[in-house]
Amino acid sequence: MKIGILETGEISDDLYDKHGDYPTMFKALLHAIDPEVDFFSVRVLEGELPSSAEAADGWIITGSKFGVYEDLPWIDPLKVFIRAAVDKKIPIAGICFGHQILAEALGGKVEKSHKGWGLGVHDYEIEAKPSWMEGSHEGFSGHAVHQDQIIELPESATVIASSEFCPYAALVYGDPENPDALSVQPHPEFSADFIDDLIEIRVPEVFSENLASEARASLGLPVHNSDWALWIHRFLELAAAHNLNPDAKSK
């Protein structure tokens, strides 16, 4: 598979040397499942966009420090690209900001939550389990770093995971068995070490001491990053195979 990474954010210089950038993290995540996946990156936050949705077998939209509701010159063109990809059945996986902008582009609404920051290891319940999530448990844990949340769902969305803090934590669009898009609010590409270092450089300007202490205390808990790597890969692989042979039955 040829997967395009749509970069909507970047890792700060004081974290880059140790942890790499978003493309590095997503390559490591999915190459653990399939070393043959071919990746390329598009710097959307600098105004770049792919020539067409068909330039890749599938797309991943990264996290970002920006809000999907901000008046930035690259936000609306990205929404147009998302709608074109969905119309053409080119699969998209969105993470954090990517999760939110998929919802906004397809008819939902995102805002800065009155609940404040979700930070550290959060637990989520699985609400729906398509066959490509076969082998999953009743829930999963993941690294949360967000204060924006989806508050209104697009009509085409199905909730596949939720929590009390984040009711729309993971979504699929279209037929859950062969979805057009998949998205998740926590970060399967982030390690505990990355979150710990991120917290360290953002206290107290962004995160309060109390919030940082609680989040850091959770970082020793297990997360299900490898499960999400498998689910994202299965989703992309299933959609790519279906596009090659539209009459084939879903696996």
C-alpha atoms as a PDB file:
ATOM      1  CA  MET A   1       0.000   0.000   0.000  1.00  0.00           C
ATOM      2  CA  LYS A   2       0.989   3.575  -0.671  1.00  0.00           C
ATOM      3  CA  ILE A   3      -0.159   5.778   2.207  1.00  0.00           C
ATOM      4  CA  GLY A   4       0.005   9.574   2.281  1.00  0.00           C
ATOM      5  CA  ILE A   5       0.495  11.304   5.626  1.00  0.00           C
ATOM      6  CA  LEU A   6      -1.265  14.659   5.717  1.00  0.00           C
ATOM      7  CA  GLU A   7       0.759  16.722   8.186  1.00  0.00           C
ATOM      8  CA  THR A   8      -1.482  19.234   9.946  1.00  0.00           C
ATOM      9  CA  GLY A   9       0.889  19.755  12.870  1.00  0.00           C
ATOM     10  CA  GLU A  10       4.522  19.378  13.755  1.00  0.00           C
ATOM     11  CA  ILE A  11       6.582  18.189  16.682  1.00  0.00           C
ATOM     12  CA  SER A  12       8.439  21.022  18.434  1.00  0.00           C
ATOM     13  CA  ASP A  13      12.206  21.236  18.084  1.00  0.00           C
ATOM     14  CA  ASP A  14      12.819  20.319  21.720  1.00  0.00           C
ATOM     15  CA  LEU A  15      11.016  16.993  21.187  1.00  0.00           C
ATOM     16  CA  TYR A  16      11.975  16.242  17.576  1.00  0.00           C
ATOM     17  CA  ASP A  17      15.561  15.127  18.178  1.00  0.00           C
ATOM     18  CA  LYS A  18      14.475  12.416  20.616  1.00  0.00           C
ATOM     19  CA  HIS A  19      11.118  11.356  19.191  1.00  0.00           C
ATOM     20  CA  GLY A  20      11.042  12.358  15.525  1.00  0.00           C
ATOM     21  CA  ASP A  21       8.107  13.922  13.672  1.00  0.00           C
ATOM     22  CA  TYR A  22       4.577  12.706  12.934  1.00  0.00           C
ATOM     23  CA  PRO A  23       5.579  10.780   9.785  1.00  0.00           C
ATOM     24  CA  THR A  24       8.345   9.003  11.736  1.00  0.00           C
ATOM     25  CA  MET A  25       5.870   7.969  14.428  1.00  0.00           C
ATOM     26  CA  PHE A  26       3.205   6.733  12.023  1.00  0.00           C
ATOM     27  CA  LYS A  27       5.739   4.809   9.961  1.00  0.00           C
ATOM     28  CA  ALA A  28       6.986   3.062  13.105  1.00  0.00           C
ATOM     29  CA  LEU A  29       3.412   2.320  14.203  1.00  0.00           C
ATOM     30  CA  LEU A  30       2.297   0.705  10.939  1.00  0.00           C
ATOM     31  CA  HIS A  31       5.616  -0.826   9.884  1.00  0.00           C
ATOM     32  CA  ALA A  32       5.375  -2.941  13.037  1.00  0.00           C
ATOM     33  CA  ILE A  33       2.335  -4.525  11.357  1.00  0.00           C
ATOM     34  CA  ASP A  34       3.441  -4.395   7.725  1.00  0.00           C
ATOM     35  CA  PRO A  35       7.020  -3.336   6.819  1.00  0.00           C
ATOM     36  CA  GLU A  36       6.040  -3.160   3.141  1.00  0.00           C
ATOM     37  CA  VAL A  37       3.747  -0.136   3.506  1.00  0.00           C
ATOM     38  CA  ASP A  38       5.103   2.776   1.463  1.00  0.00           C
ATOM     39  CA  PHE A  39       4.682   6.264   2.946  1.00  0.00           C
ATOM     40  CA  PHE A  40       5.021   9.818   1.701  1.00  0.00           C
ATOM     41  CA  SER A  41       4.201  13.096   3.458  1.00  0.00           C
ATOM     42  CA  VAL A  42       2.303  16.233   2.471  1.00  0.00           C
ATOM     43  CA  ARG A  43       2.826  19.423   4.509  1.00  0.00           C
ATOM     44  CA  VAL A  44      -0.790  20.553   4.649  1.00  0.00           C
ATOM     45  CA  LEU A  45      -0.083  23.130   7.383  1.00  0.00           C
ATOM     46  CA  GLU A  46       2.239  24.870   4.893  1.00  0.00           C
ATOM     47  CA  GLY A  47      -0.457  25.017   2.211  1.00  0.00           C
ATOM     48  CA  GLU A  48       0.410  21.809   0.345  1.00  0.00           C
ATOM     49  CA  LEU A  49      -2.266  19.360  -0.788  1.00  0.00           C
ATOM     50  CA  PRO A  50      -2.042  16.188  -2.894  1.00  0.00           C
ATOM     51  CA  SER A  51      -2.748  16.534  -6.593  1.00  0.00           C
ATOM     52  CA  SER A  52      -5.757  14.252  -6.150  1.00  0.00           C
ATOM     53  CA  ALA A  53      -7.306  11.863  -3.647  1.00  0.00           C
ATOM     54  CA  GLU A  54      -6.146   8.989  -5.872  1.00  0.00           C
ATOM     55  CA  ALA A  55      -2.463   9.913  -5.365  1.00  0.00           C
ATOM     56  CA  ALA A  56      -2.394   7.319  -2.554  1.00  0.00           C
ATOM     57  CA  ASP A  57      -4.198   4.104  -1.643  1.00  0.00           C
ATOM     58  CA  GLY A  58      -5.166   5.790   1.628  1.00  0.00           C
ATOM     59  CA  TRP A  59      -4.467   8.799   3.828  1.00  0.00           C
ATOM     60  CA  ILE A  60      -3.628   9.511   7.458  1.00  0.00           C
ATOM     61  CA  ILE A  61      -4.378  12.939   8.963  1.00  0.00           C
ATOM     62  CA  THR A  62      -2.113  13.789  11.901  1.00  0.00           C
ATOM     63  CA  GLY A  63      -2.646  15.652  15.131  1.00  0.00           C
ATOM     64  CA  SER A  64      -2.092  19.394  15.435  1.00  0.00           C
ATOM     65  CA  LYS A  65      -1.898  22.207  17.982  1.00  0.00           C
ATOM     66  CA  PHE A  66      -4.512  24.070  15.929  1.00  0.00           C
ATOM     67  CA  GLY A  67      -8.288  23.860  16.195  1.00  0.00           C
ATOM     68  CA  VAL A  68     -10.366  22.784  13.211  1.00  0.00           C
ATOM     69  CA  TYR A  69     -12.549  25.880  13.752  1.00  0.00           C
ATOM     70  CA  GLU A  70      -9.610  28.314  13.404  1.00  0.00           C
ATOM     71  CA  ASP A  71      -9.478  30.712  10.454  1.00  0.00           C
ATOM     72  CA  LEU A  72      -6.360  29.281   8.846  1.00  0.00           C
ATOM     73  CA  PRO A  73      -5.834  29.285   5.053  1.00  0.00           C
ATOM     74  CA  TRP A  74      -5.256  25.517   4.821  1.00  0.00           C
ATOM     75  CA  ILE A  75      -8.282  24.343   6.869  1.00  0.00           C
ATOM     76  CA  ASP A  76     -11.055  24.734   4.269  1.00  0.00           C
ATOM     77  CA  PRO A  77      -9.005  23.253   1.389  1.00  0.00           C
ATOM     78  CA  LEU A  78      -8.275  20.227   3.571  1.00  0.00           C
ATOM     79  CA  LYS A  79     -12.005  19.809   4.242  1.00  0.00           C
ATOM     80  CA  VAL A  80     -12.653  19.934   0.491  1.00  0.00           C
ATOM     81  CA  PHE A  81      -9.966  17.291  -0.049  1.00  0.00           C
ATOM     82  CA  ILE A  82     -11.507  15.070   2.667  1.00  0.00           C
ATOM     83  CA  ARG A  83     -14.933  15.226   1.049  1.00  0.00           C
ATOM     84  CA  ALA A  84     -13.434  14.415  -2.351  1.00  0.00           C
ATOM     85  CA  ALA A  85     -11.573  11.398  -0.940  1.00  0.00           C
ATOM     86  CA  VAL A  86     -14.710  10.088   0.763  1.00  0.00           C
ATOM     87  CA  ASP A  87     -16.748  10.571  -2.421  1.00  0.00           C
ATOM     88  CA  LYS A  88     -14.130   8.590  -4.354  1.00  0.00           C
ATOM     89  CA  LYS A  89     -13.902   5.873  -1.667  1.00  0.00           C
ATOM     90  CA  ILE A  90     -10.224   6.568  -0.921  1.00  0.00           C
ATOM     91  CA  PRO A  91      -9.849   5.673   2.776  1.00  0.00           C
ATOM     92  CA  ILE A  92      -8.790   8.222   5.384  1.00  0.00           C
ATOM     93  CA  ALA A  93      -7.694   7.574   8.969  1.00  0.00           C
ATOM     94  CA  GLY A  94      -7.727  10.610  11.265  1.00  0.00           C
ATOM     95  CA  ILE A  95      -5.947  10.934  14.615  1.00  0.00           C
ATOM     96  CA  CYS A  96      -6.813  13.630  17.199  1.00  0.00           C
ATOM     97  CA  PHE A  97      -7.009  16.773  15.013  1.00  0.00           C
ATOM     98  CA  GLY A  98      -7.550  14.380  12.088  1.00  0.00           C
ATOM     99  CA  HIS A  99     -10.444  12.803  14.013  1.00  0.00           C
ATOM    100  CA  GLN A 100     -11.983  16.229  14.534  1.00  0.00           C
ATOM    101  CA  ILE A 101     -11.535  17.647  11.032  1.00  0.00           C
ATOM    102  CA  LEU A 102     -13.039  14.539   9.464  1.00  0.00           C
ATOM    103  CA  ALA A 103     -16.151  15.198  11.548  1.00  0.00           C
ATOM    104  CA  GLU A 104     -16.224  18.909  10.626  1.00  0.00           C
ATOM    105  CA  ALA A 105     -15.682  18.213   6.925  1.00  0.00           C
ATOM    106  CA  LEU A 106     -18.495  15.663   6.827  1.00  0.00           C
ATOM    107  CA  GLY A 107     -21.137  17.659   8.664  1.00  0.00           C
ATOM    108  CA  GLY A 108     -20.310  17.503  12.372  1.00  0.00           C
ATOM    109  CA  LYS A 109     -19.171  20.151  14.834  1.00  0.00           C
ATOM    110  CA  VAL A 110     -16.080  20.535  17.029  1.00  0.00           C
ATOM    111  CA  GLU A 111     -15.411  23.003  19.833  1.00  0.00           C
ATOM    112  CA  LYS A 112     -13.081  23.606  22.751  1.00  0.00           C
ATOM    113  CA  SER A 113     -14.605  21.459  25.491  1.00  0.00           C
ATOM    114  CA  HIS A 114     -15.742  22.893  28.810  1.00  0.00           C
ATOM    115  CA  LYS A 115     -14.264  19.711  30.333  1.00  0.00           C
ATOM    116  CA  GLY A 116     -10.765  21.040  29.737  1.00  0.00           C
ATOM    117  CA  TRP A 117      -7.714  18.996  28.802  1.00  0.00           C
ATOM    118  CA  GLY A 118      -7.763  15.250  28.370  1.00  0.00           C
ATOM    119  CA  LEU A 119      -4.200  14.269  29.185  1.00  0.00           C
ATOM    120  CA  GLY A 120      -2.461  10.978  29.956  1.00  0.00           C
ATOM    121  CA  VAL A 121      -3.822   7.450  29.661  1.00  0.00           C
ATOM    122  CA  HIS A 122      -7.596   7.347  29.182  1.00  0.00           C
ATOM    123  CA  ASP A 123      -9.853   4.288  29.019  1.00  0.00           C
ATOM    124  CA  TYR A 124     -12.516   3.816  26.329  1.00  0.00           C
ATOM    125  CA  GLU A 125     -15.381   1.380  25.841  1.00  0.00           C
ATOM    126  CA  ILE A 126     -15.933  -0.219  22.440  1.00  0.00           C
ATOM    127  CA  GLU A 127     -19.497   0.509  21.337  1.00  0.00           C
ATOM    128  CA  ALA A 128     -19.466  -1.304  17.983  1.00  0.00           C
ATOM    129  CA  LYS A 129     -17.122  -3.964  16.703  1.00  0.00           C
ATOM    130  CA  PRO A 130     -16.878  -4.379  12.911  1.00  0.00           C
ATOM    131  CA  SER A 131     -15.297  -7.614  11.699  1.00  0.00           C
ATOM    132  CA  TRP A 132     -11.974  -5.878  10.925  1.00  0.00           C
ATOM    133  CA  MET A 133     -11.706  -5.240  14.691  1.00  0.00           C
ATOM    134  CA  GLU A 134     -11.949  -8.980  15.316  1.00  0.00           C
ATOM    135  CA  GLY A 135      -9.982  -9.978  18.392  1.00  0.00           C
ATOM    136  CA  SER A 136     -10.571  -6.689  20.215  1.00  0.00           C
ATOM    137  CA  HIS A 137     -11.669  -6.621  23.834  1.00  0.00           C
ATOM    138  CA  GLU A 138     -14.548  -4.636  25.325  1.00  0.00           C
ATOM    139  CA  GLY A 139     -12.384  -1.544  25.577  1.00  0.00           C
ATOM    140  CA  PHE A 140      -8.951  -0.044  25.053  1.00  0.00           C
ATOM    141  CA  SER A 141      -6.631   2.541  26.593  1.00  0.00           C
ATOM    142  CA  GLY A 142      -4.790   5.299  24.771  1.00  0.00           C
ATOM    143  CA  HIS A 143      -2.700   8.439  25.192  1.00  0.00           C
ATOM    144  CA  ALA A 144      -4.944  11.500  25.229  1.00  0.00           C
ATOM    145  CA  VAL A 145      -3.685  15.031  24.546  1.00  0.00           C
ATOM    146  CA  HIS A 146      -6.650  17.241  23.610  1.00  0.00           C
ATOM    147  CA  GLN A 147      -9.042  19.902  24.787  1.00  0.00           C
ATOM    148  CA  ASP A 148     -11.183  20.081  21.623  1.00  0.00           C
ATOM    149  CA  GLN A 149     -13.952  17.535  21.148  1.00  0.00           C
ATOM    150  CA  ILE A 150     -16.551  16.553  18.580  1.00  0.00           C
ATOM    151  CA  ILE A 151     -19.924  17.682  19.958  1.00  0.00           C
ATOM    152  CA  GLU A 152     -22.168  16.907  16.962  1.00  0.00           C
ATOM    153  CA  LEU A 153     -21.833  13.801  14.774  1.00  0.00           C
ATOM    154  CA  PRO A 154     -22.138  13.747  11.005  1.00  0.00           C
ATOM    155  CA  GLU A 155     -25.061  11.671   9.759  1.00  0.00           C
ATOM    156  CA  SER A 156     -22.728   9.134   8.173  1.00  0.00           C
ATOM    157  CA  ALA A 157     -20.763   8.500  11.403  1.00  0.00           C
ATOM    158  CA  THR A 158     -21.017   5.475  13.696  1.00  0.00           C
ATOM    159  CA  VAL A 159     -19.498   5.615  17.174  1.00  0.00           C
ATOM    160  CA  ILE A 160     -17.188   2.657  17.761  1.00  0.00           C
ATOM    161  CA  ALA A 161     -15.646   3.817  21.050  1.00  0.00           C
ATOM    162  CA  SER A 162     -16.507   6.269  23.817  1.00  0.00           C
ATOM    163  CA  SER A 163     -15.715   7.357  27.347  1.00  0.00           C
ATOM    164  CA  GLU A 164     -17.437   9.550  29.912  1.00  0.00           C
ATOM    165  CA  PHE A 165     -14.908  12.290  29.158  1.00  0.00           C
ATOM    166  CA  CYS A 166     -15.016  11.813  25.369  1.00  0.00           C
ATOM    167  CA  PRO A 167     -18.342  10.387  24.115  1.00  0.00           C
ATOM    168  CA  TYR A 168     -17.234  10.329  20.456  1.00  0.00           C
ATOM    169  CA  ALA A 169     -13.756   8.860  20.934  1.00  0.00           C
ATOM    170  CA  ALA A 170     -13.622   6.766  17.756  1.00  0.00           C
ATOM    171  CA  LEU A 171     -15.792   6.849  14.647  1.00  0.00           C
ATOM    172  CA  VAL A 172     -16.282   5.167  11.305  1.00  0.00           C
ATOM    173  CA  TYR A 173     -18.048   6.699   8.317  1.00  0.00           C
ATOM    174  CA  GLY A 174     -20.336   4.844   5.944  1.00  0.00           C
ATOM    175  CA  ASP A 175     -20.672   1.069   6.173  1.00  0.00           C
ATOM    176  CA  PRO A 176     -18.877  -0.007   9.393  1.00  0.00           C
ATOM    177  CA  GLU A 177     -17.831  -3.250   7.714  1.00  0.00           C
ATOM    178  CA  ASN A 178     -16.147  -1.387   4.852  1.00  0.00           C
ATOM    179  CA  PRO A 179     -15.919   2.237   6.014  1.00  0.00           C
ATOM    180  CA  ASP A 180     -14.915   5.281   4.005  1.00  0.00           C
ATOM    181  CA  ALA A 181     -13.032   6.780   6.960  1.00  0.00           C
ATOM    182  CA  LEU A 182     -11.874   5.815  10.451  1.00  0.00           C
ATOM    183  CA  SER A 183     -10.856   8.188  13.224  1.00  0.00           C
ATOM    184  CA  VAL A 184      -9.804   8.146  16.860  1.00  0.00           C
ATOM    185  CA  GLN A 185      -9.267  10.898  19.431  1.00  0.00           C
ATOM    186  CA  PRO A 186      -6.291   9.495  21.437  1.00  0.00           C
ATOM    187  CA  HIS A 187      -2.859   9.037  19.833  1.00  0.00           C
ATOM    188  CA  PRO A 188      -1.790   5.448  19.040  1.00  0.00           C
ATOM    189  CA  GLU A 189       1.443   6.828  17.536  1.00  0.00           C
ATOM    190  CA  PHE A 190       2.562   8.459  20.833  1.00  0.00           C
ATOM    191  CA  SER A 191       4.717   6.657  23.406  1.00  0.00           C
ATOM    192  CA  ALA A 192       4.571   7.205  27.160  1.00  0.00           C
ATOM    193  CA  ASP A 193       8.040   8.766  26.990  1.00  0.00           C
ATOM    194  CA  PHE A 194       6.860  11.271  24.405  1.00  0.00           C
ATOM    195  CA  ILE A 195       3.847  12.265  26.527  1.00  0.00           C
ATOM    196  CA  ASP A 196       6.058  12.623  29.583  1.00  0.00           C
ATOM    197  CA  ASP A 197       8.502  14.887  27.739  1.00  0.00           C
ATOM    198  CA  LEU A 198       5.631  16.863  26.212  1.00  0.00           C
ATOM    199  CA  ILE A 199       4.131  17.501  29.645  1.00  0.00           C
ATOM    200  CA  GLU A 200       7.500  18.582  31.023  1.00  0.00           C
ATOM    201  CA  ILE A 201       7.975  21.360  28.468  1.00  0.00           C
ATOM    202  CA  ARG A 202       4.368  22.605  28.683  1.00  0.00           C
ATOM    203  CA  VAL A 203       4.041  23.009  32.465  1.00  0.00           C
ATOM    204  CA  PRO A 204       2.800  25.449  33.676  1.00  0.00           C
ATOM    205  CA  GLU A 205       2.132  27.499  30.511  1.00  0.00           C
ATOM    206  CA  VAL A 206      -0.273  24.947  29.000  1.00  0.00           C
ATOM    207  CA  PHE A 207      -0.864  22.234  31.613  1.00  0.00           C
ATOM    208  CA  SER A 208      -1.356  22.968  35.306  1.00  0.00           C
ATOM    209  CA  GLU A 209       0.875  21.281  37.859  1.00  0.00           C
ATOM    210  CA  ASN A 210      -2.065  19.228  39.185  1.00  0.00           C
ATOM    211  CA  LEU A 211      -3.150  18.060  35.726  1.00  0.00           C
ATOM    212  CA  ALA A 212       0.436  17.230  34.790  1.00  0.00           C
ATOM    213  CA  SER A 213       0.943  15.224  37.988  1.00  0.00           C
ATOM    214  CA  GLU A 214      -2.240  13.192  37.441  1.00  0.00           C
ATOM    215  CA  ALA A 215      -1.393  12.540  33.792  1.00  0.00           C
ATOM    216  CA  ARG A 216       2.170  11.488  34.536  1.00  0.00           C
ATOM    217  CA  ALA A 217       0.940   9.077  37.198  1.00  0.00           C
ATOM    218  CA  SER A 218      -1.110   7.303  34.495  1.00  0.00           C
ATOM    219  CA  LEU A 219       1.752   6.845  32.020  1.00  0.00           C
ATOM    220  CA  GLY A 220       2.863   3.526  33.496  1.00  0.00           C
ATOM    221  CA  LEU A 221      -0.482   1.978  32.570  1.00  0.00           C
ATOM    222  CA  PRO A 222      -0.670  -0.205  29.453  1.00  0.00           C
ATOM    223  CA  VAL A 223      -2.118   1.223  26.242  1.00  0.00           C
ATOM    224  CA  HIS A 224      -3.402  -0.477  23.096  1.00  0.00           C
ATOM    225  CA  ASN A 225      -1.322   1.274  20.453  1.00  0.00           C
ATOM    226  CA  SER A 226      -0.535  -2.007  18.698  1.00  0.00           C
ATOM    227  CA  ASP A 227      -4.251  -2.836  18.485  1.00  0.00           C
ATOM    228  CA  TRP A 228      -4.905   0.485  16.807  1.00  0.00           C
ATOM    229  CA  ALA A 229      -2.004  -0.098  14.446  1.00  0.00           C
ATOM    230  CA  LEU A 230      -3.647  -3.378  13.427  1.00  0.00           C
ATOM    231  CA  TRP A 231      -7.125  -1.844  13.060  1.00  0.00           C
ATOM    232  CA  ILE A 232      -5.869   1.104  11.000  1.00  0.00           C
ATOM    233  CA  HIS A 233      -3.872  -1.243   8.766  1.00  0.00           C
ATOM    234  CA  ARG A 234      -6.832  -3.595   8.319  1.00  0.00           C
ATOM    235  CA  PHE A 235      -9.107  -0.672   7.486  1.00  0.00           C
ATOM    236  CA  LEU A 236      -6.714   0.742   4.906  1.00  0.00           C
ATOM    237  CA  GLU A 237      -5.941  -2.668   3.428  1.00  0.00           C
ATOM    238  CA  LEU A 238      -9.616  -3.600   3.201  1.00  0.00           C
ATOM    239  CA  ALA A 239     -10.529  -0.352   1.467  1.00  0.00           C
ATOM    240  CA  ALA A 240      -7.569  -0.560  -0.925  1.00  0.00           C
ATOM    241  CA  ALA A 241      -8.479  -4.137  -1.855  1.00  0.00           C
ATOM    242  CA  HIS A 242     -12.102  -3.152  -2.364  1.00  0.00           C
ATOM    243  CA  ASN A 243     -11.065  -0.294  -4.672  1.00  0.00           C
ATOM    244  CA  LEU A 244      -9.031  -2.726  -6.772  1.00  0.00           C
ATOM    245  CA  ASN A 245     -11.976  -5.098  -6.966  1.00  0.00           C
ATOM    246  CA  PRO A 246     -15.262  -3.312  -6.090  1.00  0.00           C
ATOM    247  CA  ASP A 247     -17.275  -6.510  -6.551  1.00  0.00           C
ATOM    248  CA  ALA A 248     -15.231  -8.395  -3.958  1.00  0.00           C
ATOM    249  CA  LYS A 249     -16.959  -9.255  -0.721  1.00  0.00           C
ATOM    250  CA  SER A 250     -15.686  -7.645   2.466  1.00  0.00           C
ATOM    251  CA  LYS A 251     -13.286  -9.815   4.431  1.00  0.00           C
END
